[in-house]
């Protein structure tokens, strides 16, 4: 009877020990699987490092994305635009070329003649003539000097819109009359209309000039 009881106690102890070992194995297996699951879901973040240029060991910044600029707002009012220097230069060249295409007479009308003008010689048997002149364009301050046979008759004459002048007693032979442009007024060139009228009221000579400063117009009356 004692031997049977001892055997029964030994069998219970053996079963208890086996159950304990089996439980520990299961716990270890479960713990291992959970650790594997956790490790697979865990992401380790490491700080980014700047790119190193091996040539000079300087940090190369990353390229920034394109910036989005606001679109031009609609406006009913015109906005100031600056001219292209190249276009302005081309326009100036075109104007110069256009000037080159002008005839000599057109250039003289625009800028004034730079060479002395000779309006011819006219015969007359009159005792005297009246020499009159006026600004035939816009009255802008044109001033002339009048000479007869190279002698100054009027040193400074301000040309107006109405005729003014002087009486010239004719000498036998040549009587040269010069009109010298002293300026070109405000708008230029020096513009004038003149008449030479004999003692009978007959117009001996009538003409106009467009002169640059320092240039003269000449007419000759020859007394027979």
Protein backbone atom coordinates (compact mmCIF):
# COMPACT_ATOMS: atom_id res chain seq x y z
CA UNK A 1 0.00 0.00 0.00
CA UNK A 2 2.83 2.37 0.85
CA UNK A 3 4.56 1.46 -2.38
CA UNK A 4 1.44 2.24 -4.39
CA UNK A 5 1.07 5.65 -2.77
CA UNK A 6 4.71 6.49 -3.43
CA UNK A 7 4.28 5.57 -7.07
CA UNK A 8 1.17 7.71 -7.40
CA UNK A 9 2.94 10.77 -5.90
CA UNK A 10 5.91 10.28 -8.27
CA UNK A 11 3.62 10.14 -11.32
CA UNK A 12 1.80 13.36 -10.28
CA UNK A 13 5.13 15.16 -9.83
CA UNK A 14 6.32 14.01 -13.25
CA UNK A 15 3.12 15.20 -14.99
CA UNK A 16 3.31 18.58 -13.23
CA UNK A 17 6.93 19.06 -14.27
CA UNK A 18 6.18 18.13 -17.89
CA UNK A 19 3.23 20.55 -18.04
CA UNK A 20 5.42 23.36 -16.66
CA UNK A 21 8.16 22.76 -19.26
CA UNK A 22 5.60 22.67 -22.10
CA UNK A 23 4.05 25.94 -20.91
CA UNK A 24 7.47 27.64 -20.85
CA UNK A 25 8.19 26.48 -24.41
CA UNK A 26 4.88 27.88 -25.66
CA UNK A 27 5.54 31.18 -23.94
CA UNK A 28 8.98 31.42 -25.55
CA UNK A 29 7.56 30.65 -29.00
CA UNK A 30 4.77 33.22 -28.64
CA UNK A 31 7.20 35.84 -27.41
CA UNK A 32 9.53 35.19 -30.34
CA UNK A 33 6.72 35.56 -32.90
CA UNK A 34 5.53 38.83 -31.36
CA UNK A 35 9.03 40.23 -31.36
CA UNK A 36 9.40 39.29 -35.00
CA UNK A 37 6.10 40.98 -35.83
CA UNK A 38 7.03 44.14 -33.95
CA UNK A 39 10.48 44.29 -35.53
CA UNK A 40 9.02 43.92 -39.02
CA UNK A 41 6.65 46.83 -38.48
CA UNK A 42 9.24 49.10 -36.89
CA UNK A 43 10.99 51.52 -39.32
CA UNK A 44 14.24 52.99 -38.20
CA UNK A 45 14.70 56.63 -39.37
CA UNK A 46 18.19 57.91 -39.90
CA UNK A 47 18.98 61.64 -40.36
CA UNK A 48 19.66 62.70 -43.98
CA UNK A 49 23.19 63.74 -44.79
CA UNK A 50 24.12 66.58 -47.21
CA UNK A 51 25.60 65.63 -50.55
CA UNK A 52 29.36 66.15 -50.53
CA UNK A 53 31.10 67.33 -53.66
CA UNK A 54 34.40 65.41 -53.72
CA UNK A 55 36.13 68.13 -55.76
CA UNK A 56 35.95 70.90 -53.19
CA UNK A 57 34.23 69.21 -50.23
CA UNK A 58 31.43 71.76 -50.20
CA UNK A 59 27.83 70.98 -49.48
CA UNK A 60 25.73 71.04 -52.66
CA UNK A 61 22.25 72.28 -51.89
CA UNK A 62 19.37 70.37 -53.26
CA UNK A 63 17.58 71.89 -56.22
CA UNK A 64 14.48 73.75 -55.14
CA UNK A 65 11.24 73.01 -56.98
CA UNK A 66 9.95 75.56 -59.47
CA UNK A 67 8.33 78.55 -57.87
CA UNK A 68 4.76 79.34 -58.74
CA UNK A 69 4.46 83.03 -59.57
CA UNK A 70 1.08 84.73 -59.54
CA UNK A 71 -0.48 85.24 -62.91
CA UNK A 72 -0.66 88.78 -64.34
CA UNK A 73 -3.80 90.44 -63.12
CA UNK A 74 -6.26 91.74 -65.63
CA UNK A 75 -6.43 95.53 -65.87
CA UNK A 76 -8.54 97.84 -68.00
CA UNK A 77 -5.87 100.51 -67.87
CA UNK A 78 -2.77 100.36 -70.09
CA UNK A 79 0.43 99.54 -68.27
CA UNK A 80 3.71 101.24 -68.96
CA UNK A 81 6.04 99.25 -71.13
CA UNK A 82 9.68 100.07 -71.70
CA UNK A 83 10.99 100.05 -75.22
CA UNK A 84 13.52 97.53 -76.39
CA UNK A 85 16.88 99.34 -76.92
CA UNK A 86 17.46 97.25 -80.03
CA UNK A 87 14.12 98.28 -81.52
CA UNK A 88 14.76 101.95 -80.71
CA UNK A 89 18.17 101.77 -82.41
CA UNK A 90 16.66 100.06 -85.46
CA UNK A 91 13.99 102.78 -85.67
CA UNK A 92 16.66 105.48 -85.57
CA UNK A 93 18.60 103.77 -88.34
CA UNK A 94 15.43 103.50 -90.42
CA UNK A 95 14.80 107.23 -90.02
CA UNK A 96 18.35 107.99 -91.13
CA UNK A 97 17.91 105.79 -94.19
CA UNK A 98 14.67 107.60 -94.98
CA UNK A 99 16.54 110.92 -94.81
CA UNK A 100 19.13 109.58 -97.25
CA UNK A 101 16.34 108.90 -99.76
CA UNK A 102 15.27 112.56 -99.75
CA UNK A 103 16.23 114.73 -102.70
CA UNK A 104 18.67 117.61 -102.29
CA UNK A 105 15.84 120.12 -102.54
CA UNK A 106 13.83 118.31 -99.84
CA UNK A 107 16.83 118.19 -97.50
CA UNK A 108 17.44 121.92 -98.04
CA UNK A 109 13.82 122.72 -97.29
CA UNK A 110 14.10 120.73 -94.07
CA UNK A 111 17.55 121.76 -92.84
CA UNK A 112 18.37 124.82 -94.92
CA UNK A 113 20.89 125.21 -97.72
CA UNK A 114 24.51 125.08 -96.60
CA UNK A 115 25.78 126.63 -99.85
CA UNK A 116 25.27 130.17 -101.10
CA UNK A 117 22.23 130.63 -103.34
CA UNK A 118 22.39 132.62 -106.57
CA UNK A 119 19.05 133.79 -107.99
CA UNK A 120 20.40 135.28 -111.23
CA UNK A 121 21.02 138.73 -112.76
CA UNK A 122 18.35 140.96 -114.30
CA UNK A 123 18.63 143.95 -116.62
CA UNK A 124 16.80 147.20 -115.87
CA UNK A 125 16.94 150.80 -117.09
CA UNK A 126 15.20 152.13 -113.94
CA UNK A 127 16.72 154.88 -111.80
CA UNK A 128 16.08 152.91 -108.62
CA UNK A 129 14.47 149.75 -107.26
CA UNK A 130 12.69 148.87 -104.04
CA UNK A 131 14.08 145.81 -102.28
CA UNK A 132 11.56 144.23 -99.89
CA UNK A 133 11.58 141.00 -97.88
CA UNK A 134 9.57 139.08 -95.28
CA UNK A 135 9.48 135.76 -93.46
CA UNK A 136 7.44 133.53 -95.78
CA UNK A 137 7.13 130.77 -93.18
CA UNK A 138 6.25 130.79 -89.51
CA UNK A 139 7.51 134.00 -87.87
CA UNK A 140 10.05 132.46 -85.51
CA UNK A 141 12.76 135.12 -85.17
CA UNK A 142 14.73 134.85 -88.43
CA UNK A 143 17.35 137.62 -88.73
CA UNK A 144 19.30 138.63 -91.85
CA UNK A 145 21.95 141.10 -92.90
CA UNK A 146 21.62 143.02 -96.18
CA UNK A 147 24.62 144.01 -98.28
CA UNK A 148 24.91 145.92 -101.61
CA UNK A 149 28.13 145.44 -103.57
CA UNK A 150 29.62 143.91 -100.40
CA UNK A 151 28.80 146.98 -98.29
CA UNK A 152 26.49 146.49 -95.31
CA UNK A 153 23.22 148.37 -95.81
CA UNK A 154 21.30 146.88 -92.87
CA UNK A 155 23.31 145.04 -90.23
CA UNK A 156 20.40 143.22 -88.56
CA UNK A 157 16.90 142.87 -89.96
CA UNK A 158 14.25 140.97 -88.00
CA UNK A 159 11.95 139.30 -90.51
CA UNK A 160 8.21 139.53 -89.87
CA UNK A 161 5.15 138.38 -91.78
CA UNK A 162 4.87 141.73 -93.61
CA UNK A 163 7.18 143.15 -96.25
CA UNK A 164 9.83 145.67 -95.24
CA UNK A 165 12.84 146.96 -97.17
CA UNK A 166 14.70 149.92 -98.62
CA UNK A 167 15.12 151.99 -101.76
CA UNK A 168 18.26 151.34 -103.82
CA UNK A 169 19.51 153.86 -106.35
CA UNK A 170 21.00 151.84 -109.17
CA UNK A 171 24.57 152.37 -110.30
CA UNK A 172 25.50 151.80 -113.91
CA UNK A 173 26.54 148.23 -114.33
CA UNK A 174 26.23 145.56 -111.63
CA UNK A 175 24.27 146.10 -108.43
CA UNK A 176 24.77 142.98 -106.28
CA UNK A 177 22.33 142.45 -103.40
CA UNK A 178 23.17 139.86 -100.72
CA UNK A 179 20.93 138.53 -97.98
CA UNK A 180 23.00 136.85 -95.25
CA UNK A 181 21.27 134.52 -92.77
CA UNK A 182 22.43 135.40 -89.23
CA UNK A 183 20.38 132.64 -87.58
CA UNK A 184 17.69 130.04 -88.22
CA UNK A 185 15.03 131.25 -85.80
CA UNK A 186 13.36 128.91 -83.36
CA UNK A 187 12.29 126.24 -85.84
CA UNK A 188 14.83 126.68 -88.66
CA UNK A 189 15.91 127.15 -91.32
CA UNK A 190 16.12 130.86 -92.15
CA UNK A 191 13.19 131.31 -94.54
CA UNK A 192 12.30 134.47 -96.46
CA UNK A 193 10.64 135.84 -99.57
CA UNK A 194 12.03 138.87 -101.39
CA UNK A 195 11.02 141.13 -104.27
CA UNK A 196 12.94 143.68 -106.36
CA UNK A 197 10.53 146.23 -107.87
CA UNK A 198 11.61 149.02 -110.25
CA UNK A 199 10.46 152.64 -110.24
CA UNK A 200 7.59 151.79 -112.58
CA UNK A 201 6.22 149.10 -110.26
CA UNK A 202 7.51 146.24 -112.37
CA UNK A 203 8.80 143.24 -110.47
CA UNK A 204 12.38 142.71 -111.61
CA UNK A 205 13.06 139.65 -109.42
CA UNK A 206 10.99 137.57 -106.99
CA UNK A 207 12.12 134.45 -105.11
CA UNK A 208 12.40 132.63 -101.76
CA UNK A 209 15.24 131.13 -99.74
CA UNK A 210 15.79 128.49 -97.07
CA UNK A 211 19.22 129.10 -95.58
CA UNK A 212 21.34 127.66 -92.82
CA UNK A 213 23.14 130.11 -90.54
CA UNK A 214 26.03 131.93 -92.28
CA UNK A 215 24.76 131.22 -95.81
CA UNK A 216 23.68 134.00 -98.18
CA UNK A 217 21.33 134.48 -101.12
CA UNK A 218 22.34 136.80 -103.98
CA UNK A 219 20.52 138.61 -106.77
CA UNK A 220 22.10 141.06 -109.27
CA UNK A 221 20.40 143.97 -111.02
CA UNK A 222 22.29 145.21 -114.07
CA UNK A 223 21.59 148.82 -115.10
CA UNK A 224 22.04 149.40 -118.82
